[in-house]
N, C-alpha and C. Protein backbone atom coordinates (compact mmCIF):
# COMPACT_ATOMS: atom_id res chain seq x y z
N MET A 1 0.85 -1.16 0.00
CA MET A 1 0.00 0.00 0.00
C MET A 1 0.89 1.22 0.00
N LYS A 2 0.48 2.20 -0.76
CA LYS A 2 1.23 3.45 -0.82
C LYS A 2 0.26 4.62 -0.68
N VAL A 3 0.55 5.52 0.23
CA VAL A 3 -0.26 6.72 0.39
C VAL A 3 0.11 7.68 -0.74
N LYS A 4 -0.88 8.04 -1.54
CA LYS A 4 -0.64 8.91 -2.69
C LYS A 4 -0.91 10.39 -2.37
N ARG A 5 -1.92 10.64 -1.52
CA ARG A 5 -2.28 12.03 -1.22
C ARG A 5 -3.02 12.09 0.10
N ILE A 6 -2.78 13.14 0.86
CA ILE A 6 -3.51 13.40 2.09
C ILE A 6 -4.09 14.80 1.99
N ASP A 7 -5.41 14.92 2.05
CA ASP A 7 -6.08 16.22 2.06
C ASP A 7 -6.38 16.57 3.51
N LEU A 8 -6.09 17.80 3.87
CA LEU A 8 -6.28 18.24 5.25
C LEU A 8 -7.54 19.08 5.39
N ASP A 9 -8.13 19.05 6.59
CA ASP A 9 -9.29 19.88 6.88
C ASP A 9 -8.81 21.27 7.30
N ASP A 10 -9.73 22.12 7.71
CA ASP A 10 -9.40 23.51 8.08
C ASP A 10 -8.47 23.59 9.29
N GLU A 11 -8.44 22.54 10.09
CA GLU A 11 -7.58 22.53 11.27
C GLU A 11 -6.24 21.85 11.01
N GLY A 12 -5.98 21.48 9.76
CA GLY A 12 -4.72 20.85 9.41
C GLY A 12 -4.64 19.37 9.72
N MET A 13 -5.79 18.75 9.92
CA MET A 13 -5.84 17.32 10.22
C MET A 13 -6.28 16.54 8.98
N PRO A 14 -5.84 15.28 8.85
CA PRO A 14 -6.24 14.49 7.68
C PRO A 14 -7.76 14.35 7.58
N GLU A 15 -8.27 14.67 6.40
CA GLU A 15 -9.70 14.57 6.14
C GLU A 15 -9.99 13.48 5.10
N CYS A 16 -9.09 13.35 4.15
CA CYS A 16 -9.25 12.38 3.07
C CYS A 16 -7.86 11.84 2.72
N VAL A 17 -7.77 10.53 2.53
CA VAL A 17 -6.50 9.89 2.21
C VAL A 17 -6.69 9.05 0.95
N LEU A 18 -5.86 9.29 -0.04
CA LEU A 18 -5.88 8.51 -1.28
C LEU A 18 -4.74 7.51 -1.21
N VAL A 19 -5.09 6.21 -1.29
CA VAL A 19 -4.08 5.16 -1.21
C VAL A 19 -4.10 4.31 -2.47
N LYS A 20 -2.96 3.74 -2.78
CA LYS A 20 -2.85 2.81 -3.89
C LYS A 20 -2.61 1.42 -3.29
N LEU A 21 -3.52 0.49 -3.59
CA LEU A 21 -3.42 -0.88 -3.09
C LEU A 21 -3.10 -1.81 -4.24
N SER A 22 -2.29 -2.80 -3.98
CA SER A 22 -2.11 -3.87 -4.97
C SER A 22 -3.39 -4.71 -4.97
N HIS A 23 -3.53 -5.53 -5.98
CA HIS A 23 -4.67 -6.44 -6.07
C HIS A 23 -4.74 -7.30 -4.81
N ASP A 24 -3.62 -7.88 -4.42
CA ASP A 24 -3.60 -8.79 -3.28
C ASP A 24 -3.90 -8.06 -1.97
N GLU A 25 -3.45 -6.83 -1.83
CA GLU A 25 -3.77 -6.04 -0.64
C GLU A 25 -5.26 -5.75 -0.57
N ALA A 26 -5.86 -5.45 -1.72
CA ALA A 26 -7.30 -5.19 -1.77
C ALA A 26 -8.09 -6.45 -1.43
N VAL A 27 -7.64 -7.60 -1.93
CA VAL A 27 -8.31 -8.87 -1.60
C VAL A 27 -8.22 -9.12 -0.10
N TYR A 28 -7.05 -8.94 0.47
CA TYR A 28 -6.87 -9.16 1.90
C TYR A 28 -7.79 -8.26 2.72
N LEU A 29 -7.85 -7.00 2.36
CA LEU A 29 -8.69 -6.05 3.09
C LEU A 29 -10.17 -6.44 2.98
N ALA A 30 -10.61 -6.81 1.78
CA ALA A 30 -12.00 -7.22 1.59
C ALA A 30 -12.32 -8.49 2.39
N LEU A 31 -11.40 -9.44 2.38
CA LEU A 31 -11.61 -10.67 3.15
C LEU A 31 -11.67 -10.39 4.64
N LEU A 32 -10.76 -9.58 5.12
CA LEU A 32 -10.70 -9.25 6.53
C LEU A 32 -11.98 -8.57 7.00
N ILE A 33 -12.43 -7.58 6.26
CA ILE A 33 -13.65 -6.86 6.62
C ILE A 33 -14.87 -7.76 6.46
N GLY A 34 -14.89 -8.55 5.38
CA GLY A 34 -16.03 -9.41 5.10
C GLY A 34 -16.26 -10.49 6.15
N LYS A 35 -15.23 -10.84 6.90
CA LYS A 35 -15.36 -11.88 7.92
C LYS A 35 -15.81 -11.32 9.27
N GLN A 36 -15.88 -10.02 9.40
CA GLN A 36 -16.31 -9.41 10.66
C GLN A 36 -17.81 -9.17 10.64
N ASN A 37 -18.42 -9.24 11.82
CA ASN A 37 -19.82 -8.86 11.90
C ASN A 37 -19.90 -7.41 12.39
N GLY A 38 -21.08 -6.84 12.34
CA GLY A 38 -21.26 -5.44 12.72
C GLY A 38 -20.81 -5.13 14.13
N ASN A 39 -21.07 -6.03 15.07
CA ASN A 39 -20.65 -5.80 16.46
C ASN A 39 -19.13 -5.75 16.58
N ASP A 40 -18.44 -6.64 15.85
CA ASP A 40 -16.98 -6.62 15.87
C ASP A 40 -16.45 -5.29 15.33
N MET A 41 -17.03 -4.85 14.23
CA MET A 41 -16.58 -3.59 13.62
C MET A 41 -16.83 -2.41 14.54
N ASN A 42 -17.99 -2.40 15.19
CA ASN A 42 -18.30 -1.31 16.12
C ASN A 42 -17.41 -1.38 17.36
N GLY A 43 -16.93 -2.57 17.70
CA GLY A 43 -16.00 -2.70 18.82
C GLY A 43 -14.64 -2.11 18.52
N VAL A 44 -14.28 -2.06 17.24
CA VAL A 44 -13.00 -1.47 16.84
C VAL A 44 -13.08 0.05 16.95
N MET A 45 -14.20 0.62 16.50
CA MET A 45 -14.41 2.07 16.58
C MET A 45 -15.90 2.37 16.46
N PRO A 46 -16.34 3.46 17.07
CA PRO A 46 -17.76 3.84 16.92
C PRO A 46 -18.08 4.04 15.43
N GLY A 47 -19.18 3.48 14.98
CA GLY A 47 -19.56 3.58 13.58
C GLY A 47 -18.76 2.66 12.67
N GLY A 48 -18.05 1.71 13.27
CA GLY A 48 -17.19 0.82 12.50
C GLY A 48 -17.94 -0.02 11.48
N SER A 49 -19.17 -0.41 11.81
CA SER A 49 -19.92 -1.24 10.85
C SER A 49 -20.28 -0.44 9.60
N LEU A 50 -20.56 0.84 9.75
CA LEU A 50 -20.83 1.68 8.58
C LEU A 50 -19.58 1.85 7.73
N GLN A 51 -18.45 2.11 8.40
CA GLN A 51 -17.19 2.29 7.69
C GLN A 51 -16.77 0.99 7.00
N GLY A 52 -16.81 -0.12 7.76
CA GLY A 52 -16.43 -1.41 7.20
C GLY A 52 -17.32 -1.80 6.03
N GLY A 53 -18.62 -1.57 6.19
CA GLY A 53 -19.55 -1.88 5.10
C GLY A 53 -19.27 -1.07 3.85
N ALA A 54 -18.95 0.20 4.03
CA ALA A 54 -18.65 1.06 2.88
C ALA A 54 -17.37 0.61 2.18
N ILE A 55 -16.36 0.24 2.96
CA ILE A 55 -15.10 -0.22 2.36
C ILE A 55 -15.33 -1.52 1.61
N TYR A 56 -16.04 -2.46 2.25
CA TYR A 56 -16.31 -3.75 1.61
C TYR A 56 -17.11 -3.55 0.32
N GLU A 57 -18.14 -2.75 0.37
CA GLU A 57 -18.96 -2.51 -0.82
C GLU A 57 -18.14 -1.86 -1.93
N GLY A 58 -17.28 -0.93 -1.56
CA GLY A 58 -16.42 -0.29 -2.56
C GLY A 58 -15.52 -1.29 -3.25
N LEU A 59 -14.92 -2.18 -2.46
CA LEU A 59 -14.01 -3.18 -3.04
C LEU A 59 -14.78 -4.27 -3.78
N ALA A 60 -15.81 -4.81 -3.15
CA ALA A 60 -16.56 -5.91 -3.78
C ALA A 60 -17.34 -5.41 -4.98
N GLY A 61 -18.14 -4.38 -4.78
CA GLY A 61 -18.99 -3.88 -5.86
C GLY A 61 -18.24 -3.14 -6.95
N GLY A 62 -17.25 -2.36 -6.54
CA GLY A 62 -16.54 -1.54 -7.51
C GLY A 62 -15.39 -2.24 -8.20
N LEU A 63 -14.94 -3.35 -7.65
CA LEU A 63 -13.78 -4.03 -8.21
C LEU A 63 -14.02 -5.51 -8.47
N PHE A 64 -14.14 -6.28 -7.42
CA PHE A 64 -14.13 -7.74 -7.57
C PHE A 64 -15.36 -8.28 -8.29
N ASN A 65 -16.54 -7.75 -8.04
CA ASN A 65 -17.74 -8.23 -8.74
C ASN A 65 -17.69 -7.92 -10.23
N ARG A 66 -16.92 -6.93 -10.61
CA ARG A 66 -16.81 -6.57 -12.03
C ARG A 66 -15.87 -7.50 -12.79
N PHE A 67 -14.88 -8.05 -12.11
CA PHE A 67 -13.86 -8.83 -12.79
C PHE A 67 -13.89 -10.33 -12.49
N TYR A 68 -14.59 -10.71 -11.43
CA TYR A 68 -14.64 -12.12 -11.06
C TYR A 68 -16.09 -12.54 -10.89
N GLU A 69 -16.44 -13.67 -11.48
CA GLU A 69 -17.81 -14.16 -11.41
C GLU A 69 -18.28 -14.35 -9.97
N ASP A 70 -17.37 -14.79 -9.09
CA ASP A 70 -17.71 -15.02 -7.69
C ASP A 70 -17.22 -13.91 -6.77
N GLY A 71 -17.03 -12.71 -7.30
CA GLY A 71 -16.65 -11.56 -6.48
C GLY A 71 -15.34 -11.77 -5.74
N VAL A 72 -15.35 -11.44 -4.46
CA VAL A 72 -14.15 -11.55 -3.63
C VAL A 72 -13.65 -12.99 -3.60
N ASP A 73 -14.57 -13.94 -3.47
CA ASP A 73 -14.16 -15.35 -3.44
C ASP A 73 -13.48 -15.75 -4.75
N GLY A 74 -13.95 -15.21 -5.86
CA GLY A 74 -13.31 -15.48 -7.15
C GLY A 74 -11.90 -14.92 -7.22
N ALA A 75 -11.69 -13.76 -6.62
CA ALA A 75 -10.36 -13.17 -6.58
C ALA A 75 -9.42 -14.02 -5.76
N VAL A 76 -9.92 -14.56 -4.65
CA VAL A 76 -9.11 -15.44 -3.80
C VAL A 76 -8.74 -16.70 -4.58
N THR A 77 -9.70 -17.29 -5.27
CA THR A 77 -9.45 -18.49 -6.05
C THR A 77 -8.38 -18.21 -7.12
N ALA A 78 -8.47 -17.07 -7.78
CA ALA A 78 -7.49 -16.70 -8.80
C ALA A 78 -6.10 -16.54 -8.19
N MET A 79 -6.02 -15.95 -7.00
CA MET A 79 -4.73 -15.78 -6.33
C MET A 79 -4.13 -17.14 -5.99
N ARG A 80 -4.95 -18.04 -5.50
CA ARG A 80 -4.46 -19.37 -5.10
C ARG A 80 -4.02 -20.20 -6.29
N ALA A 81 -4.55 -19.90 -7.46
CA ALA A 81 -4.21 -20.66 -8.67
C ALA A 81 -2.91 -20.18 -9.30
N ARG A 82 -2.38 -19.07 -8.84
CA ARG A 82 -1.12 -18.57 -9.39
C ARG A 82 0.02 -19.51 -9.04
N PRO A 83 0.99 -19.58 -9.95
CA PRO A 83 2.17 -20.42 -9.67
C PRO A 83 3.01 -19.84 -8.55
């Protein structure tokens, strides 16, 4: 993962972060979030289930469902099939 850009708010604090993930990093993140339930996510941080859901939907819907018939699971299968 590489941080490409950090946008700051009016107080000079990070407001938006643009990151570049490899395919495998994105798969790992989607798998990790996808295996948690809402209570687990909220235990990590307040509103965690909303944040985790948005990240998962962005990765699954915006990436893996477009390129793999079985979405995230299809990406995992493709990774495991590599030499």
